Amino acid sequence: MPLLGAALVLALWWVGGALLARSTPVAAAFAPWPSLQALGQLLTGADIWMHTLLSLQRVAVGLLLAFVVGVPLGVLVGLSRGFSQAFSPVFQFLRMISPLSWMPIAVMVLGVGDAPVYFLLAFAAVWPILLSTAAGVAQLDRNWLLLARSLSATRTETVLRVVLPGITAQILTGVRLAIGIIWIVLVPAEMLGVSAGLGYFILDTRDRLAYSELMAAVVLIGALGYALDHAARWLHQRWMH
Protein backbone atom coordinates (compact mmCIF):
# COMPACT_ATOMS: atom_id res chain seq x y z
CA MET A 1 0.00 0.00 0.00
CA PRO A 2 2.76 2.58 0.71
CA LEU A 3 4.18 1.88 -2.76
CA LEU A 4 0.74 2.46 -4.26
CA GLY A 5 0.48 5.85 -2.57
CA ALA A 6 3.99 6.82 -3.73
CA ALA A 7 3.17 5.74 -7.30
CA LEU A 8 -0.02 7.82 -7.25
CA VAL A 9 1.82 10.91 -6.03
CA LEU A 10 4.51 10.41 -8.69
CA ALA A 11 1.85 10.12 -11.39
CA LEU A 12 0.12 13.30 -10.18
CA TRP A 13 3.49 15.05 -10.10
CA TRP A 14 4.18 14.00 -13.70
CA VAL A 15 0.72 15.00 -14.98
CA GLY A 16 0.78 18.33 -13.14
CA GLY A 17 4.24 19.14 -14.47
CA ALA A 18 3.25 18.26 -18.04
CA LEU A 19 0.12 20.42 -17.90
CA LEU A 20 1.97 23.36 -16.35
CA ALA A 21 4.78 23.10 -18.91
CA ARG A 22 2.30 23.88 -21.71
CA SER A 23 1.82 27.43 -20.46
CA THR A 24 5.13 27.81 -18.61
CA PRO A 25 7.95 25.96 -20.43
CA VAL A 26 10.38 26.40 -17.52
CA ALA A 27 8.09 24.15 -15.45
CA ALA A 28 9.45 21.19 -17.42
CA ALA A 29 12.55 21.38 -15.20
CA PHE A 30 10.36 20.53 -12.20
CA ALA A 31 9.09 17.30 -13.76
CA PRO A 32 9.87 13.97 -12.05
CA TRP A 33 12.52 12.67 -14.45
CA PRO A 34 14.79 15.78 -14.54
CA SER A 35 14.37 16.20 -10.80
CA LEU A 36 15.24 12.58 -10.02
CA GLN A 37 18.26 12.80 -12.33
CA ALA A 38 19.40 15.92 -10.49
CA LEU A 39 18.80 14.16 -7.17
CA GLY A 40 21.05 11.28 -8.22
CA GLN A 41 23.80 13.72 -9.18
CA LEU A 42 23.43 15.59 -5.90
CA LEU A 43 23.66 12.46 -3.80
CA THR A 44 26.93 11.46 -5.49
CA GLY A 45 28.52 14.82 -4.70
CA ALA A 46 29.96 16.13 -1.46
CA ASP A 47 28.32 19.57 -1.38
CA ILE A 48 24.79 18.43 -0.58
CA TRP A 49 26.03 16.28 2.31
CA MET A 50 27.88 19.25 3.76
CA HIS A 51 24.68 21.31 3.61
CA THR A 52 22.69 18.42 5.09
CA LEU A 53 25.07 17.87 8.01
CA LEU A 54 25.04 21.57 8.88
CA SER A 55 21.24 21.60 8.81
CA LEU A 56 21.06 18.51 11.03
CA GLN A 57 23.53 20.14 13.43
CA ARG A 58 21.30 23.21 13.66
CA VAL A 59 18.27 21.00 14.26
CA ALA A 60 20.10 19.20 17.07
CA VAL A 61 21.19 22.45 18.74
CA GLY A 62 17.75 24.02 18.42
CA LEU A 63 16.06 20.90 19.77
CA LEU A 64 18.50 20.72 22.69
CA LEU A 65 17.85 24.35 23.61
CA ALA A 66 14.09 23.78 23.39
CA PHE A 67 14.41 20.70 25.59
CA VAL A 68 16.51 22.46 28.22
CA VAL A 69 13.99 25.31 28.43
CA GLY A 70 10.74 23.46 27.78
CA VAL A 71 11.00 20.57 30.25
CA PRO A 72 11.71 22.65 33.39
CA LEU A 73 9.02 25.18 32.46
CA GLY A 74 6.56 22.37 31.77
CA VAL A 75 7.28 20.80 35.15
CA LEU A 76 6.75 24.18 36.85
CA VAL A 77 3.46 24.70 35.04
CA GLY A 78 2.29 21.24 36.07
CA LEU A 79 3.40 21.40 39.71
CA SER A 80 2.84 25.04 40.66
CA ARG A 81 -0.69 26.39 40.35
CA GLY A 82 0.53 29.95 40.98
CA PHE A 83 3.19 29.70 38.26
CA SER A 84 0.66 28.19 35.87
CA GLN A 85 -1.91 30.92 36.45
CA ALA A 86 0.72 33.63 36.05
CA PHE A 87 2.54 32.38 32.98
CA SER A 88 0.26 29.98 31.06
CA PRO A 89 -1.50 32.90 29.29
CA VAL A 90 1.91 34.30 28.34
CA PHE A 91 3.05 30.95 26.97
CA GLN A 92 -0.17 30.53 25.00
CA PHE A 93 0.23 34.04 23.58
CA LEU A 94 3.83 33.45 22.52
CA ARG A 95 3.00 30.02 21.11
CA MET A 96 0.56 31.55 18.65
CA ILE A 97 3.21 33.87 17.18
CA SER A 98 4.82 32.41 14.07
CA PRO A 99 8.53 31.79 14.69
CA LEU A 100 9.29 33.30 11.27
CA SER A 101 7.83 36.64 12.38
CA TRP A 102 10.78 36.95 14.75
CA MET A 103 13.31 36.76 11.89
CA PRO A 104 14.03 40.51 11.56
CA ILE A 105 14.26 40.95 15.33
CA ALA A 106 16.51 37.89 15.69
CA VAL A 107 18.91 39.27 13.07
CA MET A 108 18.99 42.73 14.67
CA VAL A 109 19.66 41.33 18.15
CA LEU A 110 21.83 38.29 17.41
CA GLY A 111 23.43 39.33 14.12
CA VAL A 112 23.87 37.29 10.98
CA GLY A 113 24.96 33.67 11.32
CA ASP A 114 23.93 30.60 13.24
CA ALA A 115 22.71 32.37 16.40
CA PRO A 116 19.39 33.67 14.97
CA VAL A 117 18.78 30.29 13.33
CA TYR A 118 19.24 28.53 16.66
CA PHE A 119 16.86 31.00 18.31
CA LEU A 120 14.12 30.53 15.69
CA LEU A 121 14.39 26.73 15.80
CA ALA A 122 14.36 26.64 19.60
CA PHE A 123 11.42 29.06 19.74
CA ALA A 124 9.45 26.86 17.35
CA ALA A 125 10.25 23.62 19.17
CA VAL A 126 9.87 24.68 22.81
CA TRP A 127 6.07 24.82 22.88
CA PRO A 128 5.18 21.19 22.12
CA ILE A 129 7.80 20.06 24.64
CA LEU A 130 6.55 22.48 27.30
CA LEU A 131 2.87 21.64 26.81
CA SER A 132 3.45 17.87 26.64
CA THR A 133 5.53 18.01 29.82
CA ALA A 134 2.89 20.05 31.65
CA ALA A 135 0.15 17.66 30.49
CA GLY A 136 2.19 14.70 31.71
CA VAL A 137 2.63 16.26 35.15
CA ALA A 138 -1.09 17.01 35.35
CA GLN A 139 -1.90 13.36 34.60
CA LEU A 140 0.63 12.02 37.10
CA ASP A 141 -0.79 9.91 39.91
CA ARG A 142 -0.85 12.25 42.92
CA ASN A 143 -0.34 9.29 45.26
CA TRP A 144 3.24 9.11 44.01
CA LEU A 145 3.81 12.70 45.10
CA LEU A 146 2.18 12.05 48.47
CA LEU A 147 4.37 8.98 48.94
CA ALA A 148 7.51 10.99 48.13
CA ARG A 149 6.42 13.67 50.61
CA SER A 150 5.75 11.08 53.30
CA LEU A 151 9.29 9.76 52.81
CA SER A 152 10.65 13.29 53.41
CA ALA A 153 11.88 13.65 49.84
CA THR A 154 13.02 17.14 48.92
CA ARG A 155 11.37 18.95 46.02
CA THR A 156 14.40 18.30 43.84
CA GLU A 157 14.38 14.60 44.68
CA THR A 158 10.65 14.42 43.95
CA VAL A 159 11.12 15.99 40.53
CA LEU A 160 14.16 13.92 39.58
CA ARG A 161 13.05 10.54 40.97
CA VAL A 162 9.25 10.65 40.70
CA VAL A 163 8.00 13.31 38.28
CA LEU A 164 10.48 13.05 35.40
CA PRO A 165 10.52 9.21 35.25
CA GLY A 166 6.71 9.26 35.37
CA ILE A 167 6.30 11.64 32.43
CA THR A 168 9.08 10.45 30.13
CA ALA A 169 6.58 9.14 27.57
CA GLN A 170 4.87 12.54 27.39
CA ILE A 171 8.22 14.30 27.06
CA LEU A 172 9.17 12.02 24.16
CA THR A 173 5.83 12.79 22.52
CA GLY A 174 6.61 16.49 22.78
CA VAL A 175 10.08 15.94 21.35
CA ARG A 176 8.63 14.06 18.39
CA LEU A 177 6.18 16.88 17.68
CA ALA A 178 9.00 19.40 18.09
CA ILE A 179 11.13 17.60 15.51
CA GLY A 180 8.35 17.92 12.93
CA ILE A 181 7.91 21.63 13.64
CA ILE A 182 11.60 22.41 13.75
CA TRP A 183 12.19 20.68 10.41
CA ILE A 184 9.50 22.83 8.78
CA VAL A 185 10.97 26.05 10.20
CA LEU A 186 14.56 25.06 9.32
CA VAL A 187 14.51 25.92 5.60
CA PRO A 188 13.19 29.51 5.90
CA ALA A 189 15.35 30.05 8.99
CA GLU A 190 18.44 29.14 6.97
CA MET A 191 17.64 31.98 4.58
CA LEU A 192 18.88 34.46 7.20
CA GLY A 193 22.29 35.10 5.70
CA VAL A 194 24.02 31.82 6.51
CA SER A 195 26.37 30.49 3.86
CA ALA A 196 25.44 26.80 4.05
CA GLY A 197 22.52 24.54 4.86
CA LEU A 198 19.53 23.16 3.00
CA GLY A 199 17.67 26.47 3.14
CA TYR A 200 20.71 28.25 1.70
CA PHE A 201 20.97 25.57 -0.98
CA ILE A 202 17.35 26.21 -2.01
CA LEU A 203 18.09 29.91 -2.48
CA ASP A 204 21.32 29.12 -4.33
CA THR A 205 19.58 26.84 -6.84
CA ARG A 206 16.93 29.50 -7.42
CA ASP A 207 19.57 32.15 -8.09
CA ARG A 208 21.42 29.82 -10.46
CA LEU A 209 18.11 28.95 -12.22
CA ALA A 210 18.92 25.29 -11.51
CA TYR A 211 15.27 24.34 -11.10
CA SER A 212 15.81 20.59 -11.38
CA GLU A 213 18.30 20.77 -8.50
CA LEU A 214 15.82 22.91 -6.55
CA MET A 215 13.12 20.27 -6.92
CA ALA A 216 15.62 17.55 -6.07
CA ALA A 217 16.51 19.43 -2.88
CA VAL A 218 12.80 19.65 -2.00
CA VAL A 219 12.50 15.86 -2.41
CA LEU A 220 15.62 15.34 -0.28
CA ILE A 221 14.27 17.61 2.47
CA GLY A 222 11.05 15.60 2.52
CA ALA A 223 12.94 12.31 2.68
CA LEU A 224 15.17 13.51 5.53
CA GLY A 225 12.18 14.84 7.45
CA TYR A 226 10.39 11.51 7.02
CA ALA A 227 13.47 9.67 8.28
CA LEU A 228 13.72 11.92 11.35
CA ASP A 229 10.04 11.42 12.18
CA HIS A 230 10.37 7.67 11.70
CA ALA A 231 13.36 7.58 14.07
CA ALA A 232 11.47 9.63 16.67
CA ARG A 233 8.45 7.31 16.42
CA TRP A 234 10.69 4.26 16.76
CA LEU A 235 12.34 5.64 19.89
CA HIS A 236 8.96 6.53 21.38
CA GLN A 237 7.49 3.08 20.69
CA ARG A 238 10.61 1.38 22.04
CA TRP A 239 10.39 3.40 25.28
CA MET A 240 6.67 2.65 25.65
CA HIS A 241 7.37 -1.05 25.09
C-alpha atoms as a PDB file:
ATOM      1  CA  MET A   1       0.000   0.000   0.000  1.00  0.00           C
ATOM      2  CA  PRO A   2       2.759   2.579   0.707  1.00  0.00           C
ATOM      3  CA  LEU A   3       4.178   1.876  -2.763  1.00  0.00           C
ATOM      4  CA  LEU A   4       0.742   2.460  -4.264  1.00  0.00           C
ATOM      5  CA  GLY A   5       0.480   5.845  -2.574  1.00  0.00           C
ATOM      6  CA  ALA A   6       3.988   6.817  -3.730  1.00  0.00           C
ATOM      7  CA  ALA A   7       3.169   5.739  -7.303  1.00  0.00           C
ATOM      8  CA  LEU A   8      -0.024   7.818  -7.252  1.00  0.00           C
ATOM      9  CA  VAL A   9       1.823  10.912  -6.027  1.00  0.00           C
ATOM     10  CA  LEU A  10       4.510  10.406  -8.688  1.00  0.00           C
ATOM     11  CA  ALA A  11       1.849  10.116 -11.385  1.00  0.00           C
ATOM     12  CA  LEU A  12       0.116  13.301 -10.183  1.00  0.00           C
ATOM     13  CA  TRP A  13       3.487  15.050 -10.103  1.00  0.00           C
ATOM     14  CA  TRP A  14       4.182  13.998 -13.701  1.00  0.00           C
ATOM     15  CA  VAL A  15       0.722  15.004 -14.979  1.00  0.00           C
ATOM     16  CA  GLY A  16       0.784  18.333 -13.138  1.00  0.00           C
ATOM     17  CA  GLY A  17       4.240  19.143 -14.472  1.00  0.00           C
ATOM     18  CA  ALA A  18       3.251  18.256 -18.037  1.00  0.00           C
ATOM     19  CA  LEU A  19       0.121  20.418 -17.898  1.00  0.00           C
ATOM     20  CA  LEU A  20       1.966  23.357 -16.354  1.00  0.00           C
ATOM     21  CA  ALA A  21       4.781  23.100 -18.913  1.00  0.00           C
ATOM     22  CA  ARG A  22       2.302  23.878 -21.712  1.00  0.00           C
ATOM     23  CA  SER A  23       1.817  27.426 -20.464  1.00  0.00           C
ATOM     24  CA  THR A  24       5.126  27.807 -18.609  1.00  0.00           C
ATOM     25  CA  PRO A  25       7.953  25.963 -20.432  1.00  0.00           C
ATOM     26  CA  VAL A  26      10.377  26.402 -17.522  1.00  0.00           C
ATOM     27  CA  ALA A  27       8.089  24.152 -15.450  1.00  0.00           C
ATOM     28  CA  ALA A  28       9.446  21.186 -17.416  1.00  0.00           C
ATOM     29  CA  ALA A  29      12.547  21.376 -15.202  1.00  0.00           C
ATOM     30  CA  PHE A  30      10.356  20.528 -12.195  1.00  0.00           C
ATOM     31  CA  ALA A  31       9.091  17.300 -13.760  1.00  0.00           C
ATOM     32  CA  PRO A  32       9.874  13.971 -12.048  1.00  0.00           C
ATOM     33  CA  TRP A  33      12.524  12.665 -14.455  1.00  0.00           C
ATOM     34  CA  PRO A  34      14.787  15.783 -14.540  1.00  0.00           C
ATOM     35  CA  SER A  35      14.371  16.197 -10.800  1.00  0.00           C
ATOM     36  CA  LEU A  36      15.240  12.579 -10.021  1.00  0.00           C
ATOM     37  CA  GLN A  37      18.256  12.799 -12.328  1.00  0.00           C
ATOM     38  CA  ALA A  38      19.400  15.923 -10.492  1.00  0.00           C
ATOM     39  CA  LEU A  39      18.796  14.162  -7.169  1.00  0.00           C
ATOM     40  CA  GLY A  40      21.050  11.284  -8.219  1.00  0.00           C
ATOM     41  CA  GLN A  41      23.797  13.721  -9.183  1.00  0.00           C
ATOM     42  CA  LEU A  42      23.426  15.593  -5.900  1.00  0.00           C
ATOM     43  CA  LEU A  43      23.657  12.456  -3.801  1.00  0.00           C
ATOM     44  CA  THR A  44      26.927  11.459  -5.491  1.00  0.00           C
ATOM     45  CA  GLY A  45      28.522  14.817  -4.704  1.00  0.00           C
ATOM     46  CA  ALA A  46      29.960  16.128  -1.460  1.00  0.00           C
ATOM     47  CA  ASP A  47      28.321  19.567  -1.379  1.00  0.00           C
ATOM     48  CA  ILE A  48      24.794  18.429  -0.579  1.00  0.00           C
ATOM     49  CA  TRP A  49      26.025  16.278   2.310  1.00  0.00           C
ATOM     50  CA  MET A  50      27.881  19.251   3.763  1.00  0.00           C
ATOM     51  CA  HIS A  51      24.677  21.305   3.610  1.00  0.00           C
ATOM     52  CA  THR A  52      22.689  18.421   5.094  1.00  0.00           C
ATOM     53  CA  LEU A  53      25.069  17.869   8.012  1.00  0.00           C
ATOM     54  CA  LEU A  54      25.042  21.567   8.877  1.00  0.00           C
ATOM     55  CA  SER A  55      21.242  21.597   8.813  1.00  0.00           C
ATOM     56  CA  LEU A  56      21.056  18.511  11.030  1.00  0.00           C
ATOM     57  CA  GLN A  57      23.530  20.138  13.426  1.00  0.00           C
ATOM     58  CA  ARG A  58      21.298  23.213  13.661  1.00  0.00           C
ATOM     59  CA  VAL A  59      18.266  21.002  14.260  1.00  0.00           C
ATOM     60  CA  ALA A  60      20.099  19.199  17.072  1.00  0.00           C
ATOM     61  CA  VAL A  61      21.193  22.449  18.744  1.00  0.00           C
ATOM     62  CA  GLY A  62      17.749  24.024  18.423  1.00  0.00           C
ATOM     63  CA  LEU A  63      16.059  20.898  19.769  1.00  0.00           C
ATOM     64  CA  LEU A  64      18.498  20.716  22.693  1.00  0.00           C
ATOM     65  CA  LEU A  65      17.847  24.354  23.607  1.00  0.00           C
ATOM     66  CA  ALA A  66      14.090  23.784  23.392  1.00  0.00           C
ATOM     67  CA  PHE A  67      14.406  20.696  25.593  1.00  0.00           C
ATOM     68  CA  VAL A  68      16.512  22.460  28.222  1.00  0.00           C
ATOM     69  CA  VAL A  69      13.989  25.313  28.426  1.00  0.00           C
ATOM     70  CA  GLY A  70      10.735  23.457  27.779  1.00  0.00           C
ATOM     71  CA  VAL A  71      10.997  20.574  30.246  1.00  0.00           C
ATOM     72  CA  PRO A  72      11.706  22.648  33.391  1.00  0.00           C
ATOM     73  CA  LEU A  73       9.021  25.183  32.462  1.00  0.00           C
ATOM     74  CA  GLY A  74       6.561  22.367  31.768  1.00  0.00           C
ATOM     75  CA  VAL A  75       7.281  20.803  35.152  1.00  0.00           C
ATOM     76  CA  LEU A  76       6.753  24.179  36.849  1.00  0.00           C
ATOM     77  CA  VAL A  77       3.458  24.700  35.041  1.00  0.00           C
ATOM     78  CA  GLY A  78       2.289  21.240  36.066  1.00  0.00           C
ATOM     79  CA  LEU A  79       3.396  21.401  39.710  1.00  0.00           C
ATOM     80  CA  SER A  80       2.836  25.040  40.660  1.00  0.00           C
ATOM     81  CA  ARG A  81      -0.689  26.390  40.348  1.00  0.00           C
ATOM     82  CA  GLY A  82       0.527  29.949  40.976  1.00  0.00           C
ATOM     83  CA  PHE A  83       3.191  29.701  38.259  1.00  0.00           C
ATOM     84  CA  SER A  84       0.655  28.188  35.870  1.00  0.00           C
ATOM     85  CA  GLN A  85      -1.909  30.916  36.451  1.00  0.00           C
ATOM     86  CA  ALA A  86       0.715  33.631  36.054  1.00  0.00           C
ATOM     87  CA  PHE A  87       2.537  32.377  32.985  1.00  0.00           C
ATOM     88  CA  SER A  88       0.260  29.984  31.064  1.00  0.00           C
ATOM     89  CA  PRO A  89      -1.505  32.904  29.292  1.00  0.00           C
ATOM     90  CA  VAL A  90       1.915  34.300  28.343  1.00  0.00           C
ATOM     91  CA  PHE A  91       3.051  30.946  26.968  1.00  0.00           C
ATOM     92  CA  GLN A  92      -0.170  30.534  24.995  1.00  0.00           C
ATOM     93  CA  PHE A  93       0.227  34.043  23.583  1.00  0.00           C
ATOM     94  CA  LEU A  94       3.834  33.451  22.517  1.00  0.00           C
ATOM     95  CA  ARG A  95       2.999  30.022  21.114  1.00  0.00           C
ATOM     96  CA  MET A  96       0.559  31.551  18.647  1.00  0.00           C
ATOM     97  CA  ILE A  97       3.214  33.871  17.178  1.00  0.00           C
ATOM     98  CA  SER A  98       4.818  32.406  14.071  1.00  0.00           C
ATOM     99  CA  PRO A  99       8.532  31.791  14.686  1.00  0.00           C
ATOM    100  CA  LEU A 100       9.287  33.295  11.274  1.00  0.00           C
ATOM    101  CA  SER A 101       7.831  36.641  12.377  1.00  0.00           C
ATOM    102  CA  TRP A 102      10.784  36.945  14.752  1.00  0.00           C
ATOM    103  CA  MET A 103      13.305  36.760  11.885  1.00  0.00           C
ATOM    104  CA  PRO A 104      14.029  40.508  11.556  1.00  0.00           C
ATOM    105  CA  ILE A 105      14.262  40.951  15.330  1.00  0.00           C
ATOM    106  CA  ALA A 106      16.506  37.895  15.692  1.00  0.00           C
ATOM    107  CA  VAL A 107      18.912  39.266  13.071  1.00  0.00           C
ATOM    108  CA  MET A 108      18.992  42.729  14.671  1.00  0.00           C
ATOM    109  CA  VAL A 109      19.660  41.333  18.154  1.00  0.00           C
ATOM    110  CA  LEU A 110      21.831  38.293  17.408  1.00  0.00           C
ATOM    111  CA  GLY A 111      23.430  39.332  14.123  1.00  0.00           C
ATOM    112  CA  VAL A 112      23.871  37.290  10.981  1.00  0.00           C
ATOM    113  CA  GLY A 113      24.961  33.674  11.320  1.00  0.00           C
ATOM    114  CA  ASP A 114      23.930  30.595  13.238  1.00  0.00           C
ATOM    115  CA  ALA A 115      22.707  32.366  16.399  1.00  0.00           C
ATOM    116  CA  PRO A 116      19.395  33.669  14.972  1.00  0.00           C
ATOM    117  CA  VAL A 117      18.777  30.289  13.328  1.00  0.00           C
ATOM    118  CA  TYR A 118      19.237  28.533  16.663  1.00  0.00           C
ATOM    119  CA  PHE A 119      16.856  31.002  18.306  1.00  0.00           C
ATOM    120  CA  LEU A 120      14.120  30.525  15.692  1.00  0.00           C
ATOM    121  CA  LEU A 121      14.391  26.728  15.800  1.00  0.00           C
ATOM    122  CA  ALA A 122      14.356  26.638  19.599  1.00  0.00           C
ATOM    123  CA  PHE A 123      11.418  29.062  19.742  1.00  0.00           C
ATOM    124  CA  ALA A 124       9.449  26.860  17.349  1.00  0.00           C
ATOM    125  CA  ALA A 125      10.252  23.617  19.173  1.00  0.00           C
ATOM    126  CA  VAL A 126       9.872  24.680  22.805  1.00  0.00           C
ATOM    127  CA  TRP A 127       6.068  24.816  22.883  1.00  0.00           C
ATOM    128  CA  PRO A 128       5.176  21.186  22.123  1.00  0.00           C
ATOM    129  CA  ILE A 129       7.799  20.060  24.640  1.00  0.00           C
ATOM    130  CA  LEU A 130       6.546  22.480  27.299  1.00  0.00           C
ATOM    131  CA  LEU A 131       2.867  21.638  26.805  1.00  0.00           C
ATOM    132  CA  SER A 132       3.445  17.872  26.643  1.00  0.00           C
ATOM    133  CA  THR A 133       5.531  18.012  29.816  1.00  0.00           C
ATOM    134  CA  ALA A 134       2.887  20.052  31.645  1.00  0.00           C
ATOM    135  CA  ALA A 135       0.148  17.659  30.486  1.00  0.00           C
ATOM    136  CA  GLY A 136       2.194  14.701  31.712  1.00  0.00           C
ATOM    137  CA  VAL A 137       2.630  16.264  35.151  1.00  0.00           C
ATOM    138  CA  ALA A 138      -1.095  17.014  35.348  1.00  0.00           C
ATOM    139  CA  GLN A 139      -1.900  13.362  34.596  1.00  0.00           C
ATOM    140  CA  LEU A 140       0.630  12.023  37.096  1.00  0.00           C
ATOM    141  CA  ASP A 141      -0.786   9.913  39.914  1.00  0.00           C
ATOM    142  CA  ARG A 142      -0.848  12.253  42.918  1.00  0.00           C
ATOM    143  CA  ASN A 143      -0.338   9.292  45.263  1.00  0.00           C
ATOM    144  CA  TRP A 144       3.238   9.113  44.013  1.00  0.00           C
ATOM    145  CA  LEU A 145       3.813  12.702  45.101  1.00  0.00           C
ATOM    146  CA  LEU A 146       2.184  12.045  48.472  1.00  0.00           C
ATOM    147  CA  LEU A 147       4.372   8.981  48.942  1.00  0.00           C
ATOM    148  CA  ALA A 148       7.509  10.991  48.135  1.00  0.00           C
ATOM    149  CA  ARG A 149       6.424  13.675  50.611  1.00  0.00           C
ATOM    150  CA  SER A 150       5.752  11.085  53.303  1.00  0.00           C
ATOM    151  CA  LEU A 151       9.294   9.760  52.809  1.00  0.00           C
ATOM    152  CA  SER A 152      10.645  13.292  53.407  1.00  0.00           C
ATOM    153  CA  ALA A 153      11.876  13.647  49.842  1.00  0.00           C
ATOM    154  CA  THR A 154      13.019  17.142  48.920  1.00  0.00           C
ATOM    155  CA  ARG A 155      11.375  18.954  46.024  1.00  0.00           C
ATOM    156  CA  THR A 156      14.402  18.305  43.839  1.00  0.00           C
ATOM    157  CA  GLU A 157      14.380  14.597  44.685  1.00  0.00           C
ATOM    158  CA  THR A 158      10.654  14.421  43.954  1.00  0.00           C
ATOM    159  CA  VAL A 159      11.117  15.990  40.533  1.00  0.00           C
ATOM    160  CA  LEU A 160      14.160  13.925  39.578  1.00  0.00           C
ATOM    161  CA  ARG A 161      13.048  10.542  40.967  1.00  0.00           C
ATOM    162  CA  VAL A 162       9.251  10.651  40.704  1.00  0.00           C
ATOM    163  CA  VAL A 163       8.005  13.309  38.281  1.00  0.00           C
ATOM    164  CA  LEU A 164      10.484  13.047  35.399  1.00  0.00           C
ATOM    165  CA  PRO A 165      10.518   9.209  35.246  1.00  0.00           C
ATOM    166  CA  GLY A 166       6.713   9.258  35.369  1.00  0.00           C
ATOM    167  CA  ILE A 167       6.304  11.638  32.428  1.00  0.00           C
ATOM    168  CA  THR A 168       9.078  10.449  30.131  1.00  0.00           C
ATOM    169  CA  ALA A 169       6.576   9.144  27.573  1.00  0.00           C
ATOM    170  CA  GLN A 170       4.867  12.545  27.387  1.00  0.00           C
ATOM    171  CA  ILE A 171       8.220  14.302  27.057  1.00  0.00           C
ATOM    172  CA  LEU A 172       9.169  12.020  24.164  1.00  0.00           C
ATOM    173  CA  THR A 173       5.834  12.787  22.520  1.00  0.00           C
ATOM    174  CA  GLY A 174       6.609  16.492  22.782  1.00  0.00           C
ATOM    175  CA  VAL A 175      10.084  15.939  21.351  1.00  0.00           C
ATOM    176  CA  ARG A 176       8.629  14.057  18.390  1.00  0.00           C
ATOM    177  CA  LEU A 177       6.184  16.876  17.685  1.00  0.00           C
ATOM    178  CA  ALA A 178       8.997  19.398  18.091  1.00  0.00           C
ATOM    179  CA  ILE A 179      11.127  17.602  15.509  1.00  0.00           C
ATOM    180  CA  GLY A 180       8.347  17.921  12.935  1.00  0.00           C
ATOM    181  CA  ILE A 181       7.905  21.631  13.635  1.00  0.00           C
ATOM    182  CA  ILE A 182      11.605  22.408  13.754  1.00  0.00           C
ATOM    183  CA  TRP A 183      12.193  20.681  10.405  1.00  0.00           C
ATOM    184  CA  ILE A 184       9.502  22.832   8.776  1.00  0.00           C
ATOM    185  CA  VAL A 185      10.970  26.051  10.201  1.00  0.00           C
ATOM    186  CA  LEU A 186      14.556  25.055   9.319  1.00  0.00           C
ATOM    187  CA  VAL A 187      14.511  25.923   5.603  1.00  0.00           C
ATOM    188  CA  PRO A 188      13.193  29.507   5.899  1.00  0.00           C
ATOM    189  CA  ALA A 189      15.349  30.048   8.994  1.00  0.00           C
ATOM    190  CA  GLU A 190      18.444  29.139   6.974  1.00  0.00           C
ATOM    191  CA  MET A 191      17.642  31.979   4.583  1.00  0.00           C
ATOM    192  CA  LEU A 192      18.884  34.463   7.203  1.00  0.00           C
ATOM    193  CA  GLY A 193      22.287  35.104   5.699  1.00  0.00           C
ATOM    194  CA  VAL A 194      24.017  31.818   6.513  1.00  0.00           C
ATOM    195  CA  SER A 195      26.374  30.491   3.863  1.00  0.00           C
ATOM    196  CA  ALA A 196      25.438  26.802   4.046  1.00  0.00           C
ATOM    197  CA  GLY A 197      22.525  24.539   4.856  1.00  0.00           C
ATOM    198  CA  LEU A 198      19.532  23.158   3.002  1.00  0.00           C
ATOM    199  CA  GLY A 199      17.675  26.472   3.135  1.00  0.00           C
ATOM    200  CA  TYR A 200      20.708  28.255   1.703  1.00  0.00           C
ATOM    201  CA  PHE A 201      20.975  25.575  -0.977  1.00  0.00           C
ATOM    202  CA  ILE A 202      17.349  26.206  -2.014  1.00  0.00           C
ATOM    203  CA  LEU A 203      18.092  29.909  -2.484  1.00  0.00           C
ATOM    204  CA  ASP A 204      21.319  29.124  -4.332  1.00  0.00           C
ATOM    205  CA  THR A 205      19.583  26.837  -6.839  1.00  0.00           C
ATOM    206  CA  ARG A 206      16.930  29.504  -7.416  1.00  0.00           C
ATOM    207  CA  ASP A 207      19.567  32.154  -8.089  1.00  0.00           C
ATOM    208  CA  ARG A 208      21.416  29.820 -10.463  1.00  0.00           C
ATOM    209  CA  LEU A 209      18.113  28.949 -12.223  1.00  0.00           C
ATOM    210  CA  ALA A 210      18.916  25.287 -11.507  1.00  0.00           C
ATOM    211  CA  TYR A 211      15.274  24.337 -11.098  1.00  0.00           C
ATOM    212  CA  SER A 212      15.812  20.594 -11.383  1.00  0.00           C
ATOM    213  CA  GLU A 213      18.303  20.771  -8.501  1.00  0.00           C
ATOM    214  CA  LEU A 214      15.820  22.909  -6.552  1.00  0.00           C
ATOM    215  CA  MET A 215      13.116  20.273  -6.920  1.00  0.00           C
ATOM    216  CA  ALA A 216      15.622  17.553  -6.068  1.00  0.00           C
ATOM    217  CA  ALA A 217      16.506  19.435  -2.883  1.00  0.00           C
ATOM    218  CA  VAL A 218      12.803  19.648  -2.001  1.00  0.00           C
ATOM    219  CA  VAL A 219      12.500  15.864  -2.408  1.00  0.00           C
ATOM    220  CA  LEU A 220      15.621  15.344  -0.283  1.00  0.00           C
ATOM    221  CA  ILE A 221      14.270  17.610   2.474  1.00  0.00           C
ATOM    222  CA  GLY A 222      11.048  15.599   2.515  1.00  0.00           C
ATOM    223  CA  ALA A 223      12.945  12.306   2.684  1.00  0.00           C
ATOM    224  CA  LEU A 224      15.172  13.510   5.525  1.00  0.00           C
ATOM    225  CA  GLY A 225      12.179  14.835   7.453  1.00  0.00           C
ATOM    226  CA  TYR A 226      10.389  11.511   7.019  1.00  0.00           C
ATOM    227  CA  ALA A 227      13.472   9.670   8.284  1.00  0.00           C
ATOM    228  CA  LEU A 228      13.719  11.922  11.349  1.00  0.00           C
ATOM    229  CA  ASP A 229      10.040  11.421  12.177  1.00  0.00           C
ATOM    230  CA  HIS A 230      10.370   7.667  11.701  1.00  0.00           C
ATOM    231  CA  ALA A 231      13.364   7.580  14.066  1.00  0.00           C
ATOM    232  CA  ALA A 232      11.465   9.625  16.669  1.00  0.00           C
ATOM    233  CA  ARG A 233       8.445   7.309  16.416  1.00  0.00           C
ATOM    234  CA  TRP A 234      10.693   4.257  16.759  1.00  0.00           C
ATOM    235  CA  LEU A 235      12.341   5.640  19.894  1.00  0.00           C
ATOM    236  CA  HIS A 236       8.960   6.532  21.381  1.00  0.00           C
ATOM    237  CA  GLN A 237       7.492   3.082  20.687  1.00  0.00           C
ATOM    238  CA  ARG A 238      10.613   1.381  22.042  1.00  0.00           C
ATOM    239  CA  TRP A 239      10.388   3.400  25.277  1.00  0.00           C
ATOM    240  CA  MET A 240       6.673   2.650  25.646  1.00  0.00           C
ATOM    241  CA  HIS A 241       7.370  -1.054  25.086  1.00  0.00           C
END
